[in-house]
Amino acid sequence: MTHGPRERSDVPVRAEQTTVDPALVRHLVTAQFPRWAGLPVLPVDSAGTANAMFRLGADLVVRLPRTEGAARDIGKEHTWLPRLAPQLPVPVPVPLVKGAPGGGFPWEWSVSRWLDGENPRPGRAAAPDALARDLADFVTALHRAGPAGGPPSYRAEPLAERDPVTRAALAELREEVGTDAAEAVWEAALRSPAPSGPPVWIHADLQPGNVLTAGGRLSAVIDFGCLGLGDPAVDLLAAWYVLPASARPVFRAALGADDAAWARGRGWALSVALLELRAYRGTNPAMASTARHVLRELLEPEPGHPNP
């Protein structure tokens, strides 16, 4: 299975990326958590860029940030995931311990329980309607969790603040992307009314690499690097990143998303996919392929609803 991180996936990784390997993980674990010394350490294959994942024995996973930005998420996850996990319908990676810098590694890191499952292929869920309902149940529960004291999400800004960078990415990718259709989706999102309620807890990166399934059903949600308070419409991007077109009405109905929220969700999916494709088309084929899939899905007329 793939247990890979995808947070901050619309921002290219810069030169401060740190390389980690099993030898470093063994050193850190042995020095700081000797009860786990001697357990086998295996790298986890992942298209993610912000964290490196290593399976520790049969039941644990070590997560080491590769960038300073990702390292700042460690404290947030240790604070909030234990509080949110009991309110969610599927398991999430609640950290067991927080590791300290050492052995030349400059940042905090964490160990969590290993969560079994498989990443769904974008738009090719084995049981799409059931998965759509499961995702809606997860999103609903997360959005209902008490927001008091929560930090802003990594994707907490209004869509209008993403306008310059989104249009710049679209201009750069105009030969790959249907510019007129994409601009229509984006402008409809910008015209949509803002959410009427206060910010809620959002995962903000419900992409295939952050969703685990078993037997076609949602079995876990991972990678909460973007976790925080924001517009609930951000989590609608799962409709295009994870689900096929046939299951989107099921997802939308289960969430009760109105036209304004759905339009903002489409806008978020478009913006994130454009920025991912621009950032990773030459360096991360898996992420670029997912972004292209999302853009194709977004620019197809929705059943019963032509593109704006």
Protein backbone atom coordinates (compact mmCIF):
# COMPACT_ATOMS: atom_id res chain seq x y z
CA MET A 1 0.00 0.00 0.00
CA THR A 2 1.00 3.60 -0.39
CA HIS A 3 0.99 5.70 2.76
CA GLY A 4 2.42 8.82 1.20
CA PRO A 5 2.12 12.47 2.10
CA ARG A 6 0.77 15.01 -0.31
CA GLU A 7 0.36 18.15 1.76
CA ARG A 8 1.40 21.51 0.37
CA SER A 9 1.34 19.77 -2.97
CA ASP A 10 0.67 22.94 -4.95
CA VAL A 11 3.93 24.53 -3.79
CA PRO A 12 7.22 23.38 -5.35
CA VAL A 13 9.82 22.00 -2.97
CA ARG A 14 12.77 24.33 -2.80
CA ALA A 15 16.46 23.82 -2.14
CA GLU A 16 16.08 23.27 1.60
CA GLN A 17 14.72 19.77 1.03
CA THR A 18 16.49 17.30 3.31
CA THR A 19 17.36 13.74 2.30
CA VAL A 20 16.59 10.95 4.75
CA ASP A 21 17.25 7.22 4.50
CA PRO A 22 16.69 4.06 6.58
CA ALA A 23 20.06 4.39 8.28
CA LEU A 24 19.12 7.82 9.63
CA VAL A 25 15.74 6.53 10.79
CA ARG A 26 17.37 3.61 12.62
CA HIS A 27 19.79 5.99 14.32
CA LEU A 28 17.05 8.37 15.44
CA VAL A 29 14.76 5.60 16.69
CA THR A 30 17.52 3.73 18.52
CA ALA A 31 18.83 6.89 20.20
CA GLN A 32 15.48 8.32 21.25
CA PHE A 33 13.07 5.37 21.50
CA PRO A 34 15.20 2.33 22.34
CA ARG A 35 12.13 0.14 22.93
CA TRP A 36 11.78 0.08 19.14
CA ALA A 37 15.48 -0.46 18.40
CA GLY A 38 16.01 -3.45 16.16
CA LEU A 39 12.67 -3.21 14.38
CA PRO A 40 13.07 -3.33 10.61
CA VAL A 41 12.90 0.02 8.79
CA LEU A 42 11.53 0.09 5.26
CA PRO A 43 10.95 3.18 3.09
CA VAL A 44 7.39 3.73 1.91
CA ASP A 45 7.01 4.44 -1.78
CA SER A 46 5.27 7.78 -2.22
CA ALA A 47 4.76 10.58 -4.70
CA GLY A 48 4.78 13.08 -1.83
CA THR A 49 7.44 15.72 -1.51
CA ALA A 50 7.17 17.29 1.93
CA ASN A 51 7.69 14.23 4.15
CA ALA A 52 9.48 10.90 3.99
CA MET A 53 7.70 7.85 5.40
CA PHE A 54 9.30 4.69 6.78
CA ARG A 55 7.53 1.63 8.07
CA LEU A 56 8.89 0.63 11.49
CA GLY A 57 8.21 -3.01 12.19
CA ALA A 58 4.71 -4.24 11.39
CA ASP A 59 2.65 -1.70 13.29
CA LEU A 60 4.39 1.69 13.18
CA VAL A 61 5.30 4.39 10.68
CA VAL A 62 7.96 7.08 11.03
CA ARG A 63 7.30 10.42 9.37
CA LEU A 64 10.20 12.80 8.83
CA PRO A 65 9.71 16.23 7.26
CA ARG A 66 11.90 17.09 4.32
CA THR A 67 11.37 20.84 4.53
CA GLU A 68 11.21 23.47 7.25
CA GLY A 69 7.61 24.22 6.32
CA ALA A 70 6.58 20.59 6.74
CA ALA A 71 8.47 20.44 10.04
CA ARG A 72 6.20 23.14 11.43
CA ASP A 73 3.23 20.80 10.95
CA ILE A 74 4.57 18.26 13.46
CA GLY A 75 3.53 20.26 16.51
CA LYS A 76 0.12 21.02 15.03
CA GLU A 77 -0.59 17.36 14.36
CA HIS A 78 0.53 16.32 17.86
CA THR A 79 -1.77 18.93 19.36
CA TRP A 80 -4.91 18.51 17.29
CA LEU A 81 -5.13 15.00 15.86
CA PRO A 82 -5.59 13.33 19.27
CA ARG A 83 -8.51 15.72 19.90
CA LEU A 84 -10.13 15.30 16.50
CA ALA A 85 -9.62 11.56 15.99
CA PRO A 86 -12.41 10.41 18.38
CA GLN A 87 -14.87 12.57 16.46
CA LEU A 88 -14.08 11.09 13.04
CA PRO A 89 -15.67 7.99 11.46
CA VAL A 90 -12.41 6.43 10.17
CA PRO A 91 -8.90 6.18 11.65
CA VAL A 92 -6.40 8.99 11.22
CA PRO A 93 -2.66 8.92 12.04
CA VAL A 94 -2.63 10.01 15.68
CA PRO A 95 1.04 10.54 16.64
CA LEU A 96 2.38 8.30 19.40
CA VAL A 97 5.63 10.12 20.09
CA LYS A 98 7.45 13.20 18.88
CA GLY A 99 11.11 12.81 18.00
CA ALA A 100 13.71 15.51 18.49
CA PRO A 101 16.38 16.73 16.06
CA GLY A 102 19.47 14.54 16.08
CA GLY A 103 22.04 12.69 14.05
CA GLY A 104 22.31 15.63 11.70
CA PHE A 105 18.55 15.77 11.15
CA PRO A 106 17.43 19.33 11.98
CA TRP A 107 13.71 19.03 12.81
CA GLU A 108 11.15 17.28 14.96
CA TRP A 109 9.60 14.11 13.59
CA SER A 110 6.91 11.65 14.66
CA VAL A 111 5.90 8.01 14.99
CA SER A 112 2.30 6.86 14.49
CA ARG A 113 0.43 3.59 14.14
CA TRP A 114 0.54 2.09 10.66
CA LEU A 115 -2.82 2.33 8.91
CA ASP A 116 -3.60 -0.36 6.36
CA GLY A 117 -5.25 0.41 3.06
CA GLU A 118 -4.68 1.31 -0.55
CA ASN A 119 -4.75 4.66 -2.32
CA PRO A 120 -7.60 4.78 -4.83
CA ARG A 121 -6.69 5.53 -8.40
CA PRO A 122 -7.99 8.98 -9.37
CA GLY A 123 -11.53 8.60 -10.65
CA ARG A 124 -11.42 4.78 -10.57
CA ALA A 125 -12.84 3.83 -7.19
CA ALA A 126 -13.90 0.19 -6.85
CA ALA A 127 -17.19 1.17 -5.17
CA PRO A 128 -17.59 4.81 -6.15
CA ASP A 129 -20.99 5.59 -4.64
CA ALA A 130 -20.07 3.95 -1.33
CA LEU A 131 -16.74 5.78 -1.27
CA ALA A 132 -18.54 9.05 -2.04
CA ARG A 133 -20.82 8.54 0.97
CA ASP A 134 -17.86 7.56 3.16
CA LEU A 135 -15.93 10.67 2.16
CA ALA A 136 -18.99 12.81 2.82
CA ASP A 137 -19.36 11.25 6.29
CA PHE A 138 -15.72 12.03 7.06
CA VAL A 139 -15.94 15.60 5.77
CA THR A 140 -19.19 16.23 7.65
CA ALA A 141 -17.75 14.95 10.92
CA LEU A 142 -14.57 16.99 10.54
CA HIS A 143 -16.49 20.17 9.71
CA ARG A 144 -18.69 19.67 12.80
CA ALA A 145 -15.75 19.32 15.21
CA GLY A 146 -15.46 22.18 17.67
CA PRO A 147 -13.23 24.88 16.11
CA ALA A 148 -12.24 26.72 19.31
CA GLY A 149 -8.53 27.52 19.30
CA GLY A 150 -7.85 25.90 15.95
CA PRO A 151 -5.19 27.40 13.66
CA PRO A 152 -5.97 28.59 10.13
CA SER A 153 -5.58 25.96 7.44
CA TYR A 154 -2.70 26.12 5.02
CA ARG A 155 -5.46 26.78 2.47
CA ALA A 156 -7.48 29.28 4.49
CA GLU A 157 -7.22 32.26 2.15
CA PRO A 158 -10.19 33.44 0.07
CA LEU A 159 -10.09 32.24 -3.52
CA ALA A 160 -9.66 35.82 -4.69
CA GLU A 161 -6.22 35.90 -3.08
CA ARG A 162 -5.20 32.97 -5.31
CA ASP A 163 -6.32 34.77 -8.46
CA PRO A 164 -2.91 36.10 -9.60
CA VAL A 165 -1.01 32.85 -9.14
CA THR A 166 -3.84 30.75 -10.59
CA ARG A 167 -4.08 32.90 -13.72
CA ALA A 168 -0.29 32.87 -14.08
CA ALA A 169 -0.26 29.07 -13.96
CA LEU A 170 -3.08 28.91 -16.49
CA ALA A 171 -1.21 31.23 -18.84
CA GLU A 172 1.93 29.10 -18.53
CA LEU A 173 -0.03 25.90 -19.20
CA ARG A 174 -2.27 27.25 -21.94
CA GLU A 175 -1.01 24.66 -24.45
CA GLU A 176 -2.03 21.81 -22.12
CA VAL A 177 -5.22 23.22 -20.63
CA GLY A 178 -8.40 24.46 -22.29
CA THR A 179 -7.97 28.09 -21.32
CA ASP A 180 -11.50 29.31 -22.02
CA ALA A 181 -13.17 26.48 -20.10
CA ALA A 182 -10.74 26.80 -17.19
CA GLU A 183 -11.25 30.54 -16.99
CA ALA A 184 -15.03 30.00 -16.93
CA VAL A 185 -14.72 27.58 -13.99
CA TRP A 186 -12.38 29.96 -12.16
CA GLU A 187 -14.46 33.07 -12.72
CA ALA A 188 -17.62 31.27 -11.57
CA ALA A 189 -15.79 30.33 -8.37
CA LEU A 190 -14.69 33.92 -7.82
CA ARG A 191 -18.27 35.17 -8.32
CA SER A 192 -19.71 32.71 -5.83
CA PRO A 193 -20.80 34.06 -2.46
CA ALA A 194 -18.42 33.50 0.43
CA PRO A 195 -19.40 30.97 3.10
CA SER A 196 -22.07 32.32 5.41
CA GLY A 197 -20.76 30.67 8.56
CA PRO A 198 -17.49 30.80 10.50
CA PRO A 199 -14.42 28.79 9.44
CA VAL A 200 -14.53 25.08 10.21
CA TRP A 201 -11.95 22.33 10.51
CA ILE A 202 -10.84 21.21 7.05
CA HIS A 203 -8.39 18.59 5.88
CA ALA A 204 -7.76 20.73 2.78
CA ASP A 205 -5.89 18.09 0.77
CA LEU A 206 -8.25 15.17 0.14
CA GLN A 207 -6.29 13.74 -2.76
CA PRO A 208 -5.83 10.04 -3.61
CA GLY A 209 -2.47 9.86 -1.83
CA ASN A 210 -4.12 10.99 1.40
CA VAL A 211 -7.06 8.57 1.27
CA LEU A 212 -6.85 4.87 2.14
CA THR A 213 -9.44 2.33 1.09
CA ALA A 214 -10.17 -1.33 1.76
CA GLY A 215 -12.66 -3.26 -0.33
CA GLY A 216 -13.54 -0.02 -2.08
CA ARG A 217 -14.60 1.70 1.18
CA LEU A 218 -12.83 4.49 3.00
CA SER A 219 -10.58 2.93 5.65
CA ALA A 220 -8.48 5.91 6.80
CA VAL A 221 -7.54 9.48 5.98
CA ILE A 222 -3.89 10.47 6.37
CA ASP A 223 -1.56 13.42 6.05
CA PHE A 224 -3.02 16.35 7.92
CA GLY A 225 -0.30 18.84 7.04
CA CYS A 226 -2.89 21.29 5.68
CA LEU A 227 -5.25 20.80 8.65
CA GLY A 228 -6.80 23.91 10.11
CA LEU A 229 -9.80 26.20 9.95
CA GLY A 230 -11.13 27.43 6.61
CA ASP A 231 -13.91 27.39 4.04
CA PRO A 232 -15.64 23.97 4.06
CA ALA A 233 -15.72 24.11 0.25
CA VAL A 234 -11.97 23.38 0.16
CA ASP A 235 -12.71 19.76 1.07
CA LEU A 236 -14.98 19.42 -1.95
CA LEU A 237 -11.87 19.07 -4.12
CA ALA A 238 -12.13 15.34 -3.31
CA ALA A 239 -15.02 15.25 -5.79
CA TRP A 240 -12.61 15.71 -8.69
CA TYR A 241 -9.39 14.33 -7.22
CA VAL A 242 -10.80 11.04 -5.93
CA LEU A 243 -14.26 10.32 -7.35
CA PRO A 244 -15.47 9.59 -10.87
CA ALA A 245 -18.11 11.88 -12.38
CA SER A 246 -20.88 9.37 -11.69
CA ALA A 247 -20.30 9.53 -7.92
CA ARG A 248 -20.02 13.30 -7.56
CA PRO A 249 -23.78 13.85 -7.24
CA VAL A 250 -23.82 11.27 -4.41
CA PHE A 251 -20.99 13.12 -2.62
CA ARG A 252 -22.64 16.50 -3.13
CA ALA A 253 -26.06 15.34 -1.97
CA ALA A 254 -24.63 13.66 1.13
CA LEU A 255 -22.88 16.90 2.05
CA GLY A 256 -25.80 19.14 1.13
CA ALA A 257 -23.44 21.44 -0.78
CA ASP A 258 -25.29 24.36 -2.38
CA ASP A 259 -24.41 25.91 -5.73
CA ALA A 260 -22.07 28.49 -4.20
CA ALA A 261 -20.07 25.93 -2.20
CA TRP A 262 -19.86 23.59 -5.20
CA ALA A 263 -18.55 26.39 -7.41
CA ARG A 264 -15.94 27.34 -4.81
CA GLY A 265 -14.96 23.69 -4.50
CA ARG A 266 -14.44 23.49 -8.26
CA GLY A 267 -12.36 26.62 -8.05
CA TRP A 268 -10.16 25.16 -5.33
CA ALA A 269 -9.68 21.94 -7.28
CA LEU A 270 -8.79 23.93 -10.41
CA SER A 271 -6.32 26.20 -8.65
CA VAL A 272 -4.56 23.38 -6.79
CA ALA A 273 -4.34 21.20 -9.91
CA LEU A 274 -2.94 24.04 -12.04
CA LEU A 275 -0.29 24.88 -9.48
CA GLU A 276 0.62 21.23 -9.00
CA LEU A 277 0.97 20.67 -12.72
CA ARG A 278 3.12 23.76 -13.14
CA ALA A 279 5.31 22.82 -10.17
CA TYR A 280 5.77 19.11 -10.81
CA ARG A 281 5.32 18.36 -14.52
CA GLY A 282 9.09 17.95 -14.91
CA THR A 283 9.95 16.44 -11.53
CA ASN A 284 7.10 14.32 -10.16
CA PRO A 285 5.27 12.35 -12.86
CA ALA A 286 2.70 10.84 -10.48
CA MET A 287 1.56 14.17 -9.10
CA ALA A 288 1.55 15.74 -12.56
CA SER A 289 -0.55 12.87 -13.90
CA THR A 290 -3.11 13.32 -11.12
CA ALA A 291 -3.26 17.05 -11.77
CA ARG A 292 -3.90 16.46 -15.48
CA HIS A 293 -6.67 14.01 -14.61
CA VAL A 294 -8.32 16.57 -12.33
CA LEU A 295 -8.14 19.30 -14.95
CA ARG A 296 -9.74 17.04 -17.55
CA GLU A 297 -12.54 16.19 -15.13
CA LEU A 298 -13.13 19.81 -14.17
CA LEU A 299 -13.36 20.98 -17.75
CA GLU A 300 -15.93 18.38 -18.77
CA PRO A 301 -19.55 19.57 -18.39
CA GLU A 302 -21.09 18.19 -15.22
CA PRO A 303 -24.10 15.88 -15.71
CA GLY A 304 -27.10 18.13 -16.03
CA HIS A 305 -25.01 21.24 -15.49
CA PRO A 306 -23.01 22.76 -18.36
CA ASN A 307 -19.79 24.46 -17.43
CA PRO A 308 -20.32 28.05 -16.29
